[in-house]
């Protein structure tokens, strides 16, 4: 299992910084899985900045990724939102909120309280990639 974690200032410019660091941390993963993880980081960090106190002056958010021994990837963003509220998911066809629908389509989403203080942790568990035809499992 490999872990990556970093705290970012509540500034929109830090979303690209978060993506770059996660891209580097997950460089050895298959491109599709890495791309899905980067999409999740972008969407969740942007939501943290737009919809919670993380985007206020002095705000911050934390990005964490974890690669399990089974190949699944956990992407997590902890923001300064209210701990008891779930992310808002707009109705289908709405012009806003498409990012969260994309994230939900990529993996299993879970919202949890961030420790004992204020804050919310949004996690996306991305499935392991399918074996390729060059792997022993795929050649049977």
N, C-alpha and C. Protein backbone atom coordinates (compact mmCIF):
# COMPACT_ATOMS: atom_id res chain seq x y z
N UNK A 1 0.84 -1.17 0.00
CA UNK A 1 0.00 0.00 0.00
C UNK A 1 0.89 1.25 0.00
N UNK A 2 0.55 2.23 -0.86
CA UNK A 2 1.29 3.49 -0.92
C UNK A 2 0.33 4.62 -0.57
N UNK A 3 0.84 5.60 0.15
CA UNK A 3 0.04 6.76 0.55
C UNK A 3 0.67 8.05 0.07
N UNK A 4 -0.17 9.03 -0.23
CA UNK A 4 0.25 10.39 -0.53
C UNK A 4 -0.72 11.30 0.19
N UNK A 5 -0.21 12.36 0.81
CA UNK A 5 -1.09 13.33 1.48
C UNK A 5 -0.42 14.69 1.45
N UNK A 6 -1.22 15.72 1.18
CA UNK A 6 -0.73 17.10 1.20
C UNK A 6 -1.87 18.04 1.53
N UNK A 7 -1.52 19.13 2.19
CA UNK A 7 -2.49 20.18 2.54
C UNK A 7 -2.28 21.35 1.59
N UNK A 8 -3.38 21.91 1.11
CA UNK A 8 -3.33 23.01 0.14
C UNK A 8 -4.12 24.20 0.66
N UNK A 9 -3.62 25.39 0.33
CA UNK A 9 -4.32 26.63 0.68
C UNK A 9 -5.62 26.69 -0.12
N UNK A 10 -6.59 27.36 0.44
CA UNK A 10 -7.90 27.49 -0.19
C UNK A 10 -7.91 28.47 -1.33
N UNK A 11 -7.10 28.26 -2.31
CA UNK A 11 -6.97 29.12 -3.48
C UNK A 11 -7.21 28.27 -4.72
N UNK A 12 -8.03 28.75 -5.66
CA UNK A 12 -8.32 27.95 -6.86
C UNK A 12 -7.07 27.49 -7.62
N UNK A 13 -5.99 28.25 -7.56
CA UNK A 13 -4.77 27.87 -8.27
C UNK A 13 -4.14 26.59 -7.70
N UNK A 14 -4.48 26.24 -6.47
CA UNK A 14 -3.88 25.06 -5.87
C UNK A 14 -4.46 23.75 -6.41
N UNK A 15 -5.59 23.82 -7.11
CA UNK A 15 -6.17 22.60 -7.66
C UNK A 15 -5.21 21.99 -8.69
N UNK A 16 -4.62 22.82 -9.53
CA UNK A 16 -3.66 22.29 -10.51
C UNK A 16 -2.40 21.78 -9.80
N UNK A 17 -2.01 22.42 -8.72
CA UNK A 17 -0.87 21.94 -7.93
C UNK A 17 -1.18 20.57 -7.32
N UNK A 18 -2.39 20.43 -6.80
CA UNK A 18 -2.80 19.14 -6.22
C UNK A 18 -2.79 18.05 -7.29
N UNK A 19 -3.31 18.37 -8.48
CA UNK A 19 -3.30 17.41 -9.59
C UNK A 19 -1.87 17.00 -9.95
N UNK A 20 -0.99 17.96 -10.04
CA UNK A 20 0.40 17.67 -10.43
C UNK A 20 1.07 16.74 -9.41
N UNK A 21 0.86 17.00 -8.13
CA UNK A 21 1.48 16.16 -7.10
C UNK A 21 0.88 14.76 -7.09
N UNK A 22 -0.43 14.65 -7.30
CA UNK A 22 -1.06 13.34 -7.35
C UNK A 22 -0.62 12.59 -8.61
N UNK A 23 -0.51 13.29 -9.72
CA UNK A 23 -0.03 12.67 -10.96
C UNK A 23 1.35 12.04 -10.73
N UNK A 24 2.20 12.77 -10.05
CA UNK A 24 3.54 12.26 -9.74
C UNK A 24 3.47 11.07 -8.78
N UNK A 25 2.64 11.17 -7.76
CA UNK A 25 2.54 10.09 -6.77
C UNK A 25 1.99 8.81 -7.38
N UNK A 26 1.15 8.92 -8.41
CA UNK A 26 0.52 7.76 -9.02
C UNK A 26 1.11 7.43 -10.39
N UNK A 27 2.32 7.89 -10.64
CA UNK A 27 2.93 7.77 -11.97
C UNK A 27 3.04 6.33 -12.47
N UNK A 28 3.14 5.37 -11.56
CA UNK A 28 3.33 3.98 -12.00
C UNK A 28 2.01 3.24 -12.23
N UNK A 29 0.88 3.91 -12.06
CA UNK A 29 -0.41 3.26 -12.30
C UNK A 29 -0.76 3.29 -13.78
N UNK A 30 -1.65 2.41 -14.21
CA UNK A 30 -2.13 2.48 -15.59
C UNK A 30 -2.75 3.86 -15.87
N UNK A 31 -2.58 4.33 -17.09
CA UNK A 31 -3.01 5.69 -17.45
C UNK A 31 -4.50 5.92 -17.18
N UNK A 32 -5.36 4.94 -17.46
CA UNK A 32 -6.79 5.13 -17.24
C UNK A 32 -7.11 5.34 -15.77
N UNK A 33 -6.51 4.52 -14.92
CA UNK A 33 -6.76 4.63 -13.48
C UNK A 33 -6.20 5.93 -12.94
N UNK A 34 -5.01 6.30 -13.37
CA UNK A 34 -4.40 7.57 -12.95
C UNK A 34 -5.29 8.73 -13.40
N UNK A 35 -5.79 8.67 -14.63
CA UNK A 35 -6.68 9.73 -15.12
C UNK A 35 -7.95 9.85 -14.31
N UNK A 36 -8.54 8.71 -13.93
CA UNK A 36 -9.74 8.74 -13.09
C UNK A 36 -9.43 9.37 -11.73
N UNK A 37 -8.28 9.03 -11.16
CA UNK A 37 -7.89 9.60 -9.87
C UNK A 37 -7.71 11.11 -9.99
N UNK A 38 -7.10 11.57 -11.07
CA UNK A 38 -6.90 13.01 -11.27
C UNK A 38 -8.21 13.74 -11.47
N UNK A 39 -9.15 13.11 -12.16
CA UNK A 39 -10.48 13.71 -12.31
C UNK A 39 -11.13 13.87 -10.95
N UNK A 40 -11.03 12.85 -10.11
CA UNK A 40 -11.62 12.93 -8.76
C UNK A 40 -10.98 14.04 -7.94
N UNK A 41 -9.66 14.14 -7.99
CA UNK A 41 -8.96 15.19 -7.25
C UNK A 41 -9.46 16.56 -7.72
N UNK A 42 -9.52 16.76 -9.02
CA UNK A 42 -9.96 18.05 -9.56
C UNK A 42 -11.36 18.41 -9.10
N UNK A 43 -12.27 17.48 -9.24
CA UNK A 43 -13.67 17.75 -8.91
C UNK A 43 -13.87 17.97 -7.42
N UNK A 44 -13.29 17.10 -6.60
CA UNK A 44 -13.50 17.22 -5.15
C UNK A 44 -12.81 18.45 -4.57
N UNK A 45 -11.61 18.77 -5.04
CA UNK A 45 -10.92 19.97 -4.56
C UNK A 45 -11.67 21.23 -4.99
N UNK A 46 -12.14 21.25 -6.22
CA UNK A 46 -12.91 22.40 -6.70
C UNK A 46 -14.18 22.57 -5.89
N UNK A 47 -14.89 21.47 -5.62
CA UNK A 47 -16.10 21.55 -4.79
C UNK A 47 -15.78 22.06 -3.39
N UNK A 48 -14.66 21.61 -2.82
CA UNK A 48 -14.27 22.08 -1.49
C UNK A 48 -14.10 23.60 -1.49
N UNK A 49 -13.47 24.12 -2.55
CA UNK A 49 -13.23 25.56 -2.63
C UNK A 49 -14.50 26.34 -2.90
N UNK A 50 -15.38 25.81 -3.71
CA UNK A 50 -16.60 26.53 -4.08
C UNK A 50 -17.70 26.46 -3.05
N UNK A 51 -17.79 25.35 -2.31
CA UNK A 51 -18.96 25.10 -1.49
C UNK A 51 -18.70 24.98 0.01
N UNK A 52 -17.45 25.19 0.45
CA UNK A 52 -17.16 25.11 1.89
C UNK A 52 -16.24 26.26 2.30
N UNK A 53 -15.99 26.35 3.58
CA UNK A 53 -15.09 27.38 4.10
C UNK A 53 -13.65 27.16 3.65
N UNK A 54 -13.35 26.05 3.02
CA UNK A 54 -12.01 25.82 2.48
C UNK A 54 -11.64 26.89 1.47
N UNK A 55 -12.64 27.43 0.77
CA UNK A 55 -12.40 28.46 -0.24
C UNK A 55 -12.34 29.87 0.31
N UNK A 56 -12.59 30.03 1.61
CA UNK A 56 -12.52 31.35 2.24
C UNK A 56 -11.06 31.73 2.51
N UNK A 57 -10.83 33.01 2.74
CA UNK A 57 -9.48 33.47 3.08
C UNK A 57 -8.99 32.69 4.30
N UNK A 58 -7.80 32.12 4.17
CA UNK A 58 -7.23 31.31 5.25
C UNK A 58 -7.70 29.87 5.26
N UNK A 59 -8.60 29.51 4.33
CA UNK A 59 -9.11 28.14 4.27
C UNK A 59 -8.07 27.18 3.71
N UNK A 60 -8.34 25.91 3.88
CA UNK A 60 -7.43 24.88 3.35
C UNK A 60 -8.22 23.60 3.12
N UNK A 61 -7.58 22.71 2.39
CA UNK A 61 -8.14 21.38 2.18
C UNK A 61 -6.98 20.40 2.06
N UNK A 62 -7.26 19.14 2.32
CA UNK A 62 -6.24 18.10 2.27
C UNK A 62 -6.62 17.08 1.20
N UNK A 63 -5.62 16.69 0.42
CA UNK A 63 -5.81 15.65 -0.59
C UNK A 63 -4.97 14.46 -0.16
N UNK A 64 -5.60 13.29 -0.22
CA UNK A 64 -4.88 12.06 0.13
C UNK A 64 -5.23 11.00 -0.91
N UNK A 65 -4.23 10.25 -1.33
CA UNK A 65 -4.47 9.08 -2.17
C UNK A 65 -3.80 7.89 -1.51
N UNK A 66 -4.39 6.75 -1.76
CA UNK A 66 -3.85 5.51 -1.20
C UNK A 66 -4.06 4.42 -2.24
N UNK A 67 -2.99 3.72 -2.56
CA UNK A 67 -3.07 2.60 -3.49
C UNK A 67 -2.99 1.32 -2.67
N UNK A 68 -4.03 0.52 -2.75
CA UNK A 68 -4.07 -0.73 -1.99
C UNK A 68 -3.30 -1.83 -2.68
N UNK A 69 -2.95 -2.85 -1.92
CA UNK A 69 -2.26 -4.01 -2.47
C UNK A 69 -3.09 -4.69 -3.55
N UNK A 70 -4.41 -4.49 -3.51
CA UNK A 70 -5.31 -5.10 -4.50
C UNK A 70 -5.45 -4.25 -5.77
N UNK A 71 -4.76 -3.11 -5.83
CA UNK A 71 -4.80 -2.26 -7.02
C UNK A 71 -5.86 -1.18 -7.00
N UNK A 72 -6.75 -1.22 -6.01
CA UNK A 72 -7.76 -0.16 -5.92
C UNK A 72 -7.11 1.12 -5.41
N UNK A 73 -7.67 2.25 -5.82
CA UNK A 73 -7.13 3.55 -5.42
C UNK A 73 -8.20 4.32 -4.66
N UNK A 74 -7.81 4.82 -3.50
CA UNK A 74 -8.67 5.69 -2.71
C UNK A 74 -8.22 7.13 -2.95
N UNK A 75 -9.17 7.98 -3.32
CA UNK A 75 -8.92 9.41 -3.46
C UNK A 75 -9.78 10.08 -2.41
N UNK A 76 -9.17 10.96 -1.63
CA UNK A 76 -9.89 11.58 -0.52
C UNK A 76 -9.57 13.06 -0.46
N UNK A 77 -10.59 13.87 -0.27
CA UNK A 77 -10.42 15.30 -0.04
C UNK A 77 -11.15 15.64 1.25
N UNK A 78 -10.40 16.21 2.18
CA UNK A 78 -10.98 16.67 3.43
C UNK A 78 -11.07 18.18 3.37
N UNK A 79 -12.28 18.70 3.54
CA UNK A 79 -12.50 20.14 3.43
C UNK A 79 -13.01 20.71 4.74
N UNK A 80 -13.30 21.98 4.73
CA UNK A 80 -13.80 22.66 5.92
C UNK A 80 -15.31 22.86 5.85
N UNK A 81 -15.99 21.88 5.25
CA UNK A 81 -17.44 21.90 5.19
C UNK A 81 -18.03 21.42 6.49
N UNK A 82 -19.34 21.49 6.56
CA UNK A 82 -19.98 20.99 7.77
C UNK A 82 -19.92 19.48 7.77
N UNK A 83 -19.56 18.94 8.89
CA UNK A 83 -19.28 17.50 8.99
C UNK A 83 -20.52 16.65 8.80
N UNK A 84 -21.70 17.19 9.09
CA UNK A 84 -22.90 16.37 9.02
C UNK A 84 -23.65 16.51 7.70
N UNK A 85 -23.08 17.21 6.74
CA UNK A 85 -23.78 17.38 5.48
C UNK A 85 -23.10 16.60 4.36
N UNK A 86 -23.91 16.01 3.54
CA UNK A 86 -23.40 15.29 2.37
C UNK A 86 -23.23 16.28 1.24
N UNK A 87 -22.37 15.99 0.29
CA UNK A 87 -22.25 16.87 -0.87
C UNK A 87 -23.59 16.94 -1.60
N UNK A 88 -23.92 18.11 -2.07
CA UNK A 88 -25.16 18.31 -2.80
C UNK A 88 -25.04 17.70 -4.18
N UNK A 89 -26.00 16.89 -4.55
CA UNK A 89 -26.04 16.31 -5.89
C UNK A 89 -27.27 16.88 -6.58
N UNK A 90 -27.07 17.69 -7.61
CA UNK A 90 -28.20 18.31 -8.29
C UNK A 90 -28.99 17.28 -9.11
N UNK A 91 -30.22 17.62 -9.44
CA UNK A 91 -31.01 16.69 -10.24
C UNK A 91 -30.40 16.48 -11.63
N UNK A 92 -30.70 15.36 -12.23
CA UNK A 92 -30.22 15.06 -13.58
C UNK A 92 -30.65 16.17 -14.53
N UNK A 93 -29.78 16.53 -15.44
CA UNK A 93 -30.08 17.57 -16.41
C UNK A 93 -29.69 18.96 -15.95
N UNK A 94 -29.33 19.12 -14.69
CA UNK A 94 -28.93 20.42 -14.17
C UNK A 94 -27.60 20.82 -14.78
N UNK A 95 -27.42 22.10 -15.02
CA UNK A 95 -26.17 22.61 -15.60
C UNK A 95 -25.00 22.55 -14.61
N UNK A 96 -25.27 22.63 -13.32
CA UNK A 96 -24.19 22.57 -12.34
C UNK A 96 -24.18 21.20 -11.68
N UNK A 97 -23.07 20.86 -11.07
CA UNK A 97 -22.97 19.60 -10.34
C UNK A 97 -22.60 18.40 -11.17
N UNK A 98 -22.25 18.62 -12.42
CA UNK A 98 -21.89 17.48 -13.26
C UNK A 98 -20.63 16.78 -12.76
N UNK A 99 -19.72 17.53 -12.14
CA UNK A 99 -18.47 16.95 -11.66
C UNK A 99 -18.70 15.87 -10.62
N UNK A 100 -19.61 16.11 -9.69
CA UNK A 100 -19.88 15.11 -8.67
C UNK A 100 -20.55 13.88 -9.27
N UNK A 101 -21.37 14.07 -10.28
CA UNK A 101 -21.96 12.92 -10.97
C UNK A 101 -20.87 12.11 -11.68
N UNK A 102 -19.89 12.79 -12.25
CA UNK A 102 -18.78 12.10 -12.91
C UNK A 102 -18.00 11.28 -11.88
N UNK A 103 -17.69 11.89 -10.75
CA UNK A 103 -16.94 11.20 -9.69
C UNK A 103 -17.71 9.97 -9.22
N UNK A 104 -19.02 10.12 -9.04
CA UNK A 104 -19.85 9.00 -8.60
C UNK A 104 -19.86 7.88 -9.63
N UNK A 105 -19.78 8.23 -10.91
CA UNK A 105 -19.73 7.21 -11.96
C UNK A 105 -18.40 6.47 -11.99
N UNK A 106 -17.34 7.11 -11.53
CA UNK A 106 -16.00 6.51 -11.57
C UNK A 106 -15.76 5.50 -10.45
N UNK A 107 -16.37 5.72 -9.30
CA UNK A 107 -16.09 4.85 -8.17
C UNK A 107 -17.16 4.95 -7.10
N UNK A 108 -16.90 4.32 -5.99
CA UNK A 108 -17.81 4.33 -4.86
C UNK A 108 -17.49 5.54 -3.99
N UNK A 109 -18.48 6.41 -3.76
CA UNK A 109 -18.27 7.64 -3.00
C UNK A 109 -18.81 7.45 -1.59
N UNK A 110 -18.04 7.96 -0.64
CA UNK A 110 -18.44 7.91 0.77
C UNK A 110 -18.12 9.27 1.40
N UNK A 111 -19.03 9.75 2.22
CA UNK A 111 -18.82 11.02 2.92
C UNK A 111 -18.77 10.70 4.40
N UNK A 112 -17.77 11.25 5.09
CA UNK A 112 -17.61 10.97 6.51
C UNK A 112 -17.19 12.24 7.24
N UNK A 113 -17.39 12.23 8.53
CA UNK A 113 -16.93 13.32 9.39
C UNK A 113 -15.40 13.25 9.40
N UNK A 114 -14.77 14.40 9.37
CA UNK A 114 -13.30 14.48 9.36
C UNK A 114 -12.80 14.61 10.79
N UNK A 115 -12.58 13.51 11.46
CA UNK A 115 -12.07 13.54 12.83
C UNK A 115 -13.13 14.02 13.80
N UNK A 116 -12.69 14.68 14.87
CA UNK A 116 -13.63 15.13 15.90
C UNK A 116 -14.04 16.58 15.73
N UNK A 117 -13.33 17.34 14.91
CA UNK A 117 -13.66 18.75 14.72
C UNK A 117 -14.53 18.96 13.50
N UNK A 118 -14.65 20.22 13.09
CA UNK A 118 -15.43 20.49 11.89
C UNK A 118 -14.70 19.97 10.66
N UNK A 119 -15.45 19.72 9.65
CA UNK A 119 -14.85 19.26 8.41
C UNK A 119 -15.53 18.02 7.89
N UNK A 120 -15.30 17.79 6.62
CA UNK A 120 -15.94 16.68 5.94
C UNK A 120 -14.89 16.00 5.07
N UNK A 121 -14.96 14.69 5.03
CA UNK A 121 -14.05 13.89 4.22
C UNK A 121 -14.89 13.21 3.13
N UNK A 122 -14.53 13.48 1.88
CA UNK A 122 -15.21 12.84 0.76
C UNK A 122 -14.21 11.88 0.13
N UNK A 123 -14.60 10.61 0.07
CA UNK A 123 -13.72 9.57 -0.44
C UNK A 123 -14.33 8.94 -1.68
N UNK A 124 -13.46 8.61 -2.62
CA UNK A 124 -13.87 7.85 -3.80
C UNK A 124 -12.93 6.66 -3.90
N UNK A 125 -13.52 5.48 -3.94
CA UNK A 125 -12.73 4.26 -4.10
C UNK A 125 -12.86 3.82 -5.56
N UNK A 126 -11.73 3.88 -6.26
CA UNK A 126 -11.69 3.50 -7.67
C UNK A 126 -11.35 2.03 -7.79
N UNK A 127 -12.04 1.31 -8.67
CA UNK A 127 -11.76 -0.12 -8.81
C UNK A 127 -10.39 -0.39 -9.42
N UNK A 128 -9.88 -1.57 -9.13
CA UNK A 128 -8.60 -2.00 -9.70
C UNK A 128 -8.78 -2.19 -11.20
N UNK A 129 -7.73 -1.93 -11.96
CA UNK A 129 -7.84 -2.14 -13.41
C UNK A 129 -7.96 -3.62 -13.74
N UNK A 130 -8.57 -3.90 -14.88
CA UNK A 130 -8.66 -5.28 -15.35
C UNK A 130 -7.28 -5.76 -15.74
N UNK A 131 -7.01 -7.05 -15.59
CA UNK A 131 -5.72 -7.58 -16.05
C UNK A 131 -5.60 -7.42 -17.56
N UNK A 132 -4.40 -7.16 -18.02
CA UNK A 132 -4.17 -7.05 -19.46
C UNK A 132 -3.92 -8.42 -20.04
N UNK A 133 -3.95 -8.53 -21.35
CA UNK A 133 -3.74 -9.82 -22.00
C UNK A 133 -2.30 -10.32 -21.80
N UNK A 134 -1.38 -9.42 -21.42
CA UNK A 134 0.00 -9.84 -21.21
C UNK A 134 0.23 -10.37 -19.80
N UNK A 135 -0.78 -10.24 -18.93
CA UNK A 135 -0.63 -10.75 -17.57
C UNK A 135 -1.00 -12.23 -17.55
N UNK A 136 -0.49 -12.98 -16.56
CA UNK A 136 -0.79 -14.41 -16.48
C UNK A 136 -2.29 -14.69 -16.40
N UNK A 137 -3.06 -13.85 -15.69
CA UNK A 137 -4.50 -14.09 -15.55
C UNK A 137 -5.20 -13.90 -16.88
N UNK A 138 -4.72 -12.95 -17.70
CA UNK A 138 -5.39 -12.65 -18.96
C UNK A 138 -5.01 -13.58 -20.09
N UNK A 139 -4.02 -14.44 -19.89
CA UNK A 139 -3.56 -15.29 -20.98
C UNK A 139 -4.11 -16.70 -20.91
N UNK A 140 -5.00 -16.98 -19.98
CA UNK A 140 -5.56 -18.33 -19.82
C UNK A 140 -6.62 -18.61 -20.83
